[in-house]
Amino acid sequence: MDGWKGVVAVIMYTLIFVKDLDAQFPKTLYMIETGEGIAFGPEEMKRAIEAALASRDDLSELLDQPHSDGALRSYFAKILMHLPH
């Protein structure tokens, strides 16, 4: 498994029981900005999300969860837009 996949899978794990990704967005953004409650640092998570978005992999297949590849890509792209560059 590529290194980014493990990091993204951990982030996606927090979304398993989430129906409304928009409602979860502030919590996910905070987690990624601070690294709070997760085993990876903010820069590592940012790089993993960038790699995931650049990949051709179906992100919905990384972890058994209810969100489509398109929904996850949109969600992660929105997170990147809100992170400092």
PDB file of N, CA and C in Angstrom:
ATOM      1  N   MET A   1       0.859  -1.183   0.000  1.00  0.00           N
ATOM      2  CA  MET A   1       0.000   0.000   0.000  1.00  0.00           C
ATOM      3  C   MET A   1       0.898   1.236   0.000  1.00  0.00           C
ATOM      4  N   ASP A   2       0.602   2.157  -0.899  1.00  0.00           N
ATOM      5  CA  ASP A   2       1.327   3.423  -0.927  1.00  0.00           C
ATOM      6  C   ASP A   2       1.172   4.114   0.418  1.00  0.00           C
ATOM      7  N   GLY A   3       2.213   4.871   0.832  1.00  0.00           N
ATOM      8  CA  GLY A   3       2.181   5.542   2.116  1.00  0.00           C
ATOM      9  C   GLY A   3       0.984   6.452   2.310  1.00  0.00           C
ATOM     10  N   TRP A   4       0.574   7.153   1.274  1.00  0.00           N
ATOM     11  CA  TRP A   4      -0.553   8.075   1.403  1.00  0.00           C
ATOM     12  C   TRP A   4      -1.857   7.339   1.686  1.00  0.00           C
ATOM     13  N   LYS A   5      -1.971   6.115   1.208  1.00  0.00           N
ATOM     14  CA  LYS A   5      -3.230   5.381   1.373  1.00  0.00           C
ATOM     15  C   LYS A   5      -3.537   5.108   2.843  1.00  0.00           C
ATOM     16  N   GLY A   6      -2.524   4.767   3.612  1.00  0.00           N
ATOM     17  CA  GLY A   6      -2.738   4.519   5.027  1.00  0.00           C
ATOM     18  C   GLY A   6      -3.198   5.764   5.760  1.00  0.00           C
ATOM     19  N   VAL A   7      -2.588   6.890   5.438  1.00  0.00           N
ATOM     20  CA  VAL A   7      -2.950   8.155   6.078  1.00  0.00           C
ATOM     21  C   VAL A   7      -4.376   8.548   5.698  1.00  0.00           C
ATOM     22  N   VAL A   8      -4.695   8.461   4.417  1.00  0.00           N
ATOM     23  CA  VAL A   8      -6.038   8.822   3.950  1.00  0.00           C
ATOM     24  C   VAL A   8      -7.082   7.859   4.513  1.00  0.00           C
ATOM     25  N   ALA A   9      -6.734   6.585   4.625  1.00  0.00           N
ATOM     26  CA  ALA A   9      -7.673   5.617   5.202  1.00  0.00           C
ATOM     27  C   ALA A   9      -7.996   5.964   6.658  1.00  0.00           C
ATOM     28  N   VAL A  10      -6.999   6.433   7.400  1.00  0.00           N
ATOM     29  CA  VAL A  10      -7.236   6.833   8.791  1.00  0.00           C
ATOM     30  C   VAL A  10      -8.180   8.037   8.836  1.00  0.00           C
ATOM     31  N   ILE A  11      -7.976   8.995   7.953  1.00  0.00           N
ATOM     32  CA  ILE A  11      -8.881  10.154   7.893  1.00  0.00           C
ATOM     33  C   ILE A  11     -10.286   9.681   7.512  1.00  0.00           C
ATOM     34  N   MET A  12     -10.367   8.808   6.522  1.00  0.00           N
ATOM     35  CA  MET A  12     -11.667   8.312   6.073  1.00  0.00           C
ATOM     36  C   MET A  12     -12.375   7.512   7.158  1.00  0.00           C
ATOM     37  N   TYR A  13     -11.623   6.872   8.031  1.00  0.00           N
ATOM     38  CA  TYR A  13     -12.223   6.106   9.123  1.00  0.00           C
ATOM     39  C   TYR A  13     -13.124   7.002   9.970  1.00  0.00           C
ATOM     40  N   THR A  14     -12.744   8.265  10.114  1.00  0.00           N
ATOM     41  CA  THR A  14     -13.549   9.202  10.904  1.00  0.00           C
ATOM     42  C   THR A  14     -14.858   9.570  10.199  1.00  0.00           C
ATOM     43  N   LEU A  15     -15.006   9.159   8.943  1.00  0.00           N
ATOM     44  CA  LEU A  15     -16.193   9.504   8.147  1.00  0.00           C
ATOM     45  C   LEU A  15     -17.152   8.330   7.962  1.00  0.00           C
ATOM     46  N   ILE A  16     -16.819   7.166   8.513  1.00  0.00           N
ATOM     47  CA  ILE A  16     -17.606   5.960   8.276  1.00  0.00           C
ATOM     48  C   ILE A  16     -19.080   6.150   8.619  1.00  0.00           C
ATOM     49  N   PHE A  17     -19.370   6.745   9.760  1.00  0.00           N
ATOM     50  CA  PHE A  17     -20.765   6.880  10.198  1.00  0.00           C
ATOM     51  C   PHE A  17     -21.342   8.268   9.934  1.00  0.00           C
ATOM     52  N   VAL A  18     -20.662   9.029   9.101  1.00  0.00           N
ATOM     53  CA  VAL A  18     -21.089  10.385   8.773  1.00  0.00           C
ATOM     54  C   VAL A  18     -21.928  10.346   7.504  1.00  0.00           C
ATOM     55  N   LYS A  19     -23.150  10.856   7.584  1.00  0.00           N
ATOM     56  CA  LYS A  19     -24.015  10.921   6.396  1.00  0.00           C
ATOM     57  C   LYS A  19     -23.819  12.226   5.650  1.00  0.00           C
ATOM     58  N   ASP A  20     -23.620  13.311   6.389  1.00  0.00           N
ATOM     59  CA  ASP A  20     -23.503  14.645   5.804  1.00  0.00           C
ATOM     60  C   ASP A  20     -22.058  15.133   5.923  1.00  0.00           C
ATOM     61  N   LEU A  21     -21.311  14.994   4.841  1.00  0.00           N
ATOM     62  CA  LEU A  21     -19.900  15.400   4.872  1.00  0.00           C
ATOM     63  C   LEU A  21     -19.735  16.892   5.146  1.00  0.00           C
ATOM     64  N   ASP A  22     -20.658  17.701   4.649  1.00  0.00           N
ATOM     65  CA  ASP A  22     -20.553  19.144   4.891  1.00  0.00           C
ATOM     66  C   ASP A  22     -20.656  19.466   6.378  1.00  0.00           C
ATOM     67  N   ALA A  23     -21.500  18.758   7.087  1.00  0.00           N
ATOM     68  CA  ALA A  23     -21.648  18.989   8.530  1.00  0.00           C
ATOM     69  C   ALA A  23     -20.402  18.548   9.282  1.00  0.00           C
ATOM     70  N   GLN A  24     -19.706  17.543   8.763  1.00  0.00           N
ATOM     71  CA  GLN A  24     -18.496  17.021   9.410  1.00  0.00           C
ATOM     72  C   GLN A  24     -17.263  17.845   9.064  1.00  0.00           C
ATOM     73  N   PHE A  25     -17.359  18.654   8.031  1.00  0.00           N
ATOM     74  CA  PHE A  25     -16.201  19.384   7.508  1.00  0.00           C
ATOM     75  C   PHE A  25     -15.408  20.146   8.579  1.00  0.00           C
ATOM     76  N   PRO A  26     -16.036  20.956   9.439  1.00  0.00           N
ATOM     77  CA  PRO A  26     -15.244  21.701  10.427  1.00  0.00           C
ATOM     78  C   PRO A  26     -14.431  20.788  11.348  1.00  0.00           C
ATOM     79  N   LYS A  27     -14.991  19.649  11.723  1.00  0.00           N
ATOM     80  CA  LYS A  27     -14.268  18.719  12.601  1.00  0.00           C
ATOM     81  C   LYS A  27     -13.075  18.106  11.887  1.00  0.00           C
ATOM     82  N   THR A  28     -13.281  17.702  10.636  1.00  0.00           N
ATOM     83  CA  THR A  28     -12.187  17.111   9.869  1.00  0.00           C
ATOM     84  C   THR A  28     -11.096  18.143   9.617  1.00  0.00           C
ATOM     85  N   LEU A  29     -11.484  19.351   9.256  1.00  0.00           N
ATOM     86  CA  LEU A  29     -10.501  20.401   9.004  1.00  0.00           C
ATOM     87  C   LEU A  29      -9.680  20.672  10.263  1.00  0.00           C
ATOM     88  N   TYR A  30     -10.336  20.771  11.405  1.00  0.00           N
ATOM     89  CA  TYR A  30      -9.630  21.000  12.668  1.00  0.00           C
ATOM     90  C   TYR A  30      -8.653  19.858  12.960  1.00  0.00           C
ATOM     91  N   MET A  31      -9.104  18.630  12.753  1.00  0.00           N
ATOM     92  CA  MET A  31      -8.253  17.466  12.995  1.00  0.00           C
ATOM     93  C   MET A  31      -6.999  17.515  12.114  1.00  0.00           C
ATOM     94  N   ILE A  32      -7.181  17.891  10.864  1.00  0.00           N
ATOM     95  CA  ILE A  32      -6.047  17.930   9.943  1.00  0.00           C
ATOM     96  C   ILE A  32      -5.145  19.128  10.236  1.00  0.00           C
ATOM     97  N   GLU A  33      -5.707  20.241  10.599  1.00  0.00           N
ATOM     98  CA  GLU A  33      -4.897  21.426  10.926  1.00  0.00           C
ATOM     99  C   GLU A  33      -4.058  21.228  12.183  1.00  0.00           C
ATOM    100  N   THR A  34      -4.590  20.485  13.145  1.00  0.00           N
ATOM    101  CA  THR A  34      -3.924  20.354  14.441  1.00  0.00           C
ATOM    102  C   THR A  34      -3.273  18.996  14.665  1.00  0.00           C
ATOM    103  N   GLY A  35      -3.737  17.978  13.955  1.00  0.00           N
ATOM    104  CA  GLY A  35      -3.258  16.621  14.203  1.00  0.00           C
ATOM    105  C   GLY A  35      -3.892  16.011  15.441  1.00  0.00           C
ATOM    106  N   GLU A  36      -4.841  16.710  16.037  1.00  0.00           N
ATOM    107  CA  GLU A  36      -5.463  16.245  17.275  1.00  0.00           C
ATOM    108  C   GLU A  36      -6.314  15.003  17.035  1.00  0.00           C
ATOM    109  N   GLY A  37      -6.081  13.989  17.862  1.00  0.00           N
ATOM    110  CA  GLY A  37      -6.876  12.776  17.794  1.00  0.00           C
ATOM    111  C   GLY A  37      -6.497  11.833  16.668  1.00  0.00           C
ATOM    112  N   ILE A  38      -5.342  12.053  16.065  1.00  0.00           N
ATOM    113  CA  ILE A  38      -4.927  11.209  14.940  1.00  0.00           C
ATOM    114  C   ILE A  38      -3.412  11.018  15.008  1.00  0.00           C
ATOM    115  N   ALA A  39      -2.937   9.938  14.474  1.00  0.00           N
ATOM    116  CA  ALA A  39      -1.531   9.560  14.624  1.00  0.00           C
ATOM    117  C   ALA A  39      -0.579  10.265  13.652  1.00  0.00           C
ATOM    118  N   PHE A  40      -1.107  11.128  12.795  1.00  0.00           N
ATOM    119  CA  PHE A  40      -0.274  11.782  11.791  1.00  0.00           C
ATOM    120  C   PHE A  40      -0.284  13.285  11.997  1.00  0.00           C
ATOM    121  N   GLY A  41       0.801  13.922  11.592  1.00  0.00           N
ATOM    122  CA  GLY A  41       0.886  15.370  11.709  1.00  0.00           C
ATOM    123  C   GLY A  41       0.173  16.070  10.561  1.00  0.00           C
ATOM    124  N   PRO A  42      -0.085  17.362  10.741  1.00  0.00           N
ATOM    125  CA  PRO A  42      -0.801  18.129   9.717  1.00  0.00           C
ATOM    126  C   PRO A  42      -0.147  18.090   8.330  1.00  0.00           C
ATOM    127  N   GLU A  43       1.155  18.260   8.265  1.00  0.00           N
ATOM    128  CA  GLU A  43       1.824  18.264   6.944  1.00  0.00           C
ATOM    129  C   GLU A  43       1.746  16.902   6.279  1.00  0.00           C
ATOM    130  N   GLU A  44       1.894  15.853   7.067  1.00  0.00           N
ATOM    131  CA  GLU A  44       1.808  14.503   6.515  1.00  0.00           C
ATOM    132  C   GLU A  44       0.407  14.232   5.964  1.00  0.00           C
ATOM    133  N   MET A  45      -0.617  14.680   6.685  1.00  0.00           N
ATOM    134  CA  MET A  45      -1.984  14.484   6.200  1.00  0.00           C
ATOM    135  C   MET A  45      -2.238  15.317   4.947  1.00  0.00           C
ATOM    136  N   LYS A  46      -1.726  16.535   4.914  1.00  0.00           N
ATOM    137  CA  LYS A  46      -1.899  17.387   3.738  1.00  0.00           C
ATOM    138  C   LYS A  46      -1.246  16.743   2.514  1.00  0.00           C
ATOM    139  N   ARG A  47      -0.018  16.256   2.670  1.00  0.00           N
ATOM    140  CA  ARG A  47       0.674  15.605   1.546  1.00  0.00           C
ATOM    141  C   ARG A  47      -0.066  14.350   1.094  1.00  0.00           C
ATOM    142  N   ALA A  48      -0.620  13.591   2.042  1.00  0.00           N
ATOM    143  CA  ALA A  48      -1.359  12.377   1.693  1.00  0.00           C
ATOM    144  C   ALA A  48      -2.624  12.714   0.914  1.00  0.00           C
ATOM    145  N   ILE A  49      -3.315  13.764   1.319  1.00  0.00           N
ATOM    146  CA  ILE A  49      -4.526  14.175   0.598  1.00  0.00           C
ATOM    147  C   ILE A  49      -4.159  14.637  -0.810  1.00  0.00           C
ATOM    148  N   GLU A  50      -3.080  15.388  -0.942  1.00  0.00           N
ATOM    149  CA  GLU A  50      -2.630  15.828  -2.275  1.00  0.00           C
ATOM    150  C   GLU A  50      -2.320  14.621  -3.153  1.00  0.00           C
ATOM    151  N   ALA A  51      -1.635  13.615  -2.592  1.00  0.00           N
ATOM    152  CA  ALA A  51      -1.300  12.404  -3.353  1.00  0.00           C
ATOM    153  C   ALA A  51      -2.565  11.634  -3.728  1.00  0.00           C
ATOM    154  N   ALA A  52      -3.523  11.570  -2.819  1.00  0.00           N
ATOM    155  CA  ALA A  52      -4.777  10.869  -3.105  1.00  0.00           C
ATOM    156  C   ALA A  52      -5.511  11.538  -4.255  1.00  0.00           C
ATOM    157  N   LEU A  53      -5.571  12.856  -4.221  1.00  0.00           N
ATOM    158  CA  LEU A  53      -6.271  13.579  -5.284  1.00  0.00           C
ATOM    159  C   LEU A  53      -5.552  13.468  -6.625  1.00  0.00           C
ATOM    160  N   ALA A  54      -4.243  13.315  -6.585  1.00  0.00           N
ATOM    161  CA  ALA A  54      -3.468  13.178  -7.821  1.00  0.00           C
ATOM    162  C   ALA A  54      -3.525  11.751  -8.372  1.00  0.00           C
ATOM    163  N   SER A  55      -3.961  10.810  -7.563  1.00  0.00           N
ATOM    164  CA  SER A  55      -3.978   9.407  -7.987  1.00  0.00           C
ATOM    165  C   SER A  55      -5.217   9.102  -8.838  1.00  0.00           C
ATOM    166  N   ARG A  56      -5.143   7.964  -9.484  1.00  0.00           N
ATOM    167  CA  ARG A  56      -6.294   7.472 -10.248  1.00  0.00           C
ATOM    168  C   ARG A  56      -7.076   6.434  -9.454  1.00  0.00           C
ATOM    169  N   ASP A  57      -6.647   6.173  -8.235  1.00  0.00           N
ATOM    170  CA  ASP A  57      -7.305   5.175  -7.390  1.00  0.00           C
ATOM    171  C   ASP A  57      -8.728   5.619  -7.046  1.00  0.00           C
ATOM    172  N   ASP A  58      -9.602   4.658  -6.899  1.00  0.00           N
ATOM    173  CA  ASP A  58     -10.964   4.920  -6.435  1.00  0.00           C
ATOM    174  C   ASP A  58     -10.880   5.029  -4.909  1.00  0.00           C
ATOM    175  N   LEU A  59     -10.982   6.225  -4.396  1.00  0.00           N
ATOM    176  CA  LEU A  59     -10.809   6.444  -2.964  1.00  0.00           C
ATOM    177  C   LEU A  59     -11.870   5.721  -2.141  1.00  0.00           C
ATOM    178  N   SER A  60     -13.021   5.498  -2.708  1.00  0.00           N
ATOM    179  CA  SER A  60     -14.090   4.829  -1.967  1.00  0.00           C
ATOM    180  C   SER A  60     -13.758   3.364  -1.668  1.00  0.00           C
ATOM    181  N   GLU A  61     -12.759   2.826  -2.363  1.00  0.00           N
ATOM    182  CA  GLU A  61     -12.375   1.435  -2.158  1.00  0.00           C
ATOM    183  C   GLU A  61     -11.265   1.256  -1.129  1.00  0.00           C
ATOM    184  N   LEU A  62     -10.724   2.346  -0.602  1.00  0.00           N
ATOM    185  CA  LEU A  62      -9.647   2.239   0.390  1.00  0.00           C
ATOM    186  C   LEU A  62     -10.153   1.691   1.713  1.00  0.00           C
ATOM    187  N   LEU A  63     -11.401   1.953   2.006  1.00  0.00           N
ATOM    188  CA  LEU A  63     -11.984   1.589   3.292  1.00  0.00           C
ATOM    189  C   LEU A  63     -13.476   1.359   3.082  1.00  0.00           C
ATOM    190  N   ASP A  64     -14.017   0.382   3.770  1.00  0.00           N
ATOM    191  CA  ASP A  64     -15.450   0.115   3.660  1.00  0.00           C
ATOM    192  C   ASP A  64     -16.214   1.241   4.355  1.00  0.00           C
ATOM    193  N   GLN A  65     -16.759   2.135   3.556  1.00  0.00           N
ATOM    194  CA  GLN A  65     -17.473   3.305   4.058  1.00  0.00           C
ATOM    195  C   GLN A  65     -18.488   3.739   3.003  1.00  0.00           C
ATOM    196  N   PRO A  66     -19.427   4.612   3.331  1.00  0.00           N
ATOM    197  CA  PRO A  66     -20.568   4.880   2.441  1.00  0.00           C
ATOM    198  C   PRO A  66     -20.386   5.949   1.364  1.00  0.00           C
ATOM    199  N   HIS A  67     -19.240   6.585   1.279  1.00  0.00           N
ATOM    200  CA  HIS A  67     -19.088   7.741   0.386  1.00  0.00           C
ATOM    201  C   HIS A  67     -18.449   7.347  -0.946  1.00  0.00           C
ATOM    202  N   SER A  68     -18.909   7.962  -2.003  1.00  0.00           N
ATOM    203  CA  SER A  68     -18.382   7.670  -3.343  1.00  0.00           C
ATOM    204  C   SER A  68     -17.012   8.311  -3.538  1.00  0.00           C
ATOM    205  N   ASP A  69     -16.332   7.846  -4.562  1.00  0.00           N
ATOM    206  CA  ASP A  69     -15.039   8.422  -4.922  1.00  0.00           C
ATOM    207  C   ASP A  69     -15.189   9.918  -5.182  1.00  0.00           C
ATOM    208  N   GLY A  70     -16.201  10.301  -5.929  1.00  0.00           N
ATOM    209  CA  GLY A  70     -16.418  11.714  -6.243  1.00  0.00           C
ATOM    210  C   GLY A  70     -16.677  12.557  -5.009  1.00  0.00           C
ATOM    211  N   ALA A  71     -17.493  12.030  -4.090  1.00  0.00           N
ATOM    212  CA  ALA A  71     -17.789  12.768  -2.856  1.00  0.00           C
ATOM    213  C   ALA A  71     -16.529  12.937  -2.006  1.00  0.00           C
ATOM    214  N   LEU A  72     -15.722  11.889  -1.921  1.00  0.00           N
ATOM    215  CA  LEU A  72     -14.486  11.966  -1.141  1.00  0.00           C
ATOM    216  C   LEU A  72     -13.490  12.926  -1.775  1.00  0.00           C
ATOM    217  N   ARG A  73     -13.369  12.876  -3.094  1.00  0.00           N
ATOM    218  CA  ARG A  73     -12.441  13.787  -3.781  1.00  0.00           C
ATOM    219  C   ARG A  73     -12.875  15.248  -3.584  1.00  0.00           C
ATOM    220  N   SER A  74     -14.162  15.504  -3.680  1.00  0.00           N
ATOM    221  CA  SER A  74     -14.652  16.870  -3.448  1.00  0.00           C
ATOM    222  C   SER A  74     -14.376  17.313  -2.020  1.00  0.00           C
ATOM    223  N   TYR A  75     -14.618  16.417  -1.076  1.00  0.00           N
ATOM    224  CA  TYR A  75     -14.410  16.706   0.339  1.00  0.00           C
ATOM    225  C   TYR A  75     -12.935  17.012   0.614  1.00  0.00           C
ATOM    226  N   PHE A  76     -12.055  16.164   0.103  1.00  0.00           N
ATOM    227  CA  PHE A  76     -10.626  16.376   0.329  1.00  0.00           C
ATOM    228  C   PHE A  76     -10.114  17.629  -0.399  1.00  0.00           C
ATOM    229  N   ALA A  77     -10.644  17.905  -1.576  1.00  0.00           N
ATOM    230  CA  ALA A  77     -10.255  19.128  -2.292  1.00  0.00           C
ATOM    231  C   ALA A  77     -10.682  20.363  -1.496  1.00  0.00           C
ATOM    232  N   LYS A  78     -11.858  20.312  -0.907  1.00  0.00           N
ATOM    233  CA  LYS A  78     -12.341  21.425  -0.082  1.00  0.00           C
ATOM    234  C   LYS A  78     -11.445  21.610   1.141  1.00  0.00           C
ATOM    235  N   ILE A  79     -11.018  20.517   1.733  1.00  0.00           N
ATOM    236  CA  ILE A  79     -10.106  20.611   2.878  1.00  0.00           C
ATOM    237  C   ILE A  79      -8.811  21.294   2.453  1.00  0.00           C
ATOM    238  N   LEU A  80      -8.242  20.859   1.343  1.00  0.00           N
ATOM    239  CA  LEU A  80      -6.981  21.472   0.875  1.00  0.00           C
ATOM    240  C   LEU A  80      -7.145  22.968   0.638  1.00  0.00           C
ATOM    241  N   MET A  81      -8.299  23.388   0.115  1.00  0.00           N
ATOM    242  CA  MET A  81      -8.521  24.805  -0.144  1.00  0.00           C
ATOM    243  C   MET A  81      -8.520  25.631   1.143  1.00  0.00           C
ATOM    244  N   HIS A  82      -8.841  24.995   2.274  1.00  0.00           N
ATOM    245  CA  HIS A  82      -8.911  25.702   3.546  1.00  0.00           C
ATOM    246  C   HIS A  82      -7.652  25.579   4.397  1.00  0.00           C
ATOM    247  N   LEU A  83      -6.678  24.828   3.915  1.00  0.00           N
ATOM    248  CA  LEU A  83      -5.416  24.683   4.657  1.00  0.00           C
ATOM    249  C   LEU A  83      -4.435  25.742   4.209  1.00  0.00           C
ATOM    250  N   PRO A  84      -3.560  26.175   5.099  1.00  0.00           N
ATOM    251  CA  PRO A  84      -2.528  27.141   4.684  1.00  0.00           C
ATOM    252  C   PRO A  84      -1.603  26.499   3.646  1.00  0.00           C
ATOM    253  N   HIS A  85      -1.119  27.294   2.723  1.00  0.00           N
ATOM    254  CA  HIS A  85      -0.261  26.781   1.654  1.00  0.00           C
ATOM    255  C   HIS A  85       1.143  26.752   2.064  1.00  0.00           C
TER     256      HIS A  85
END
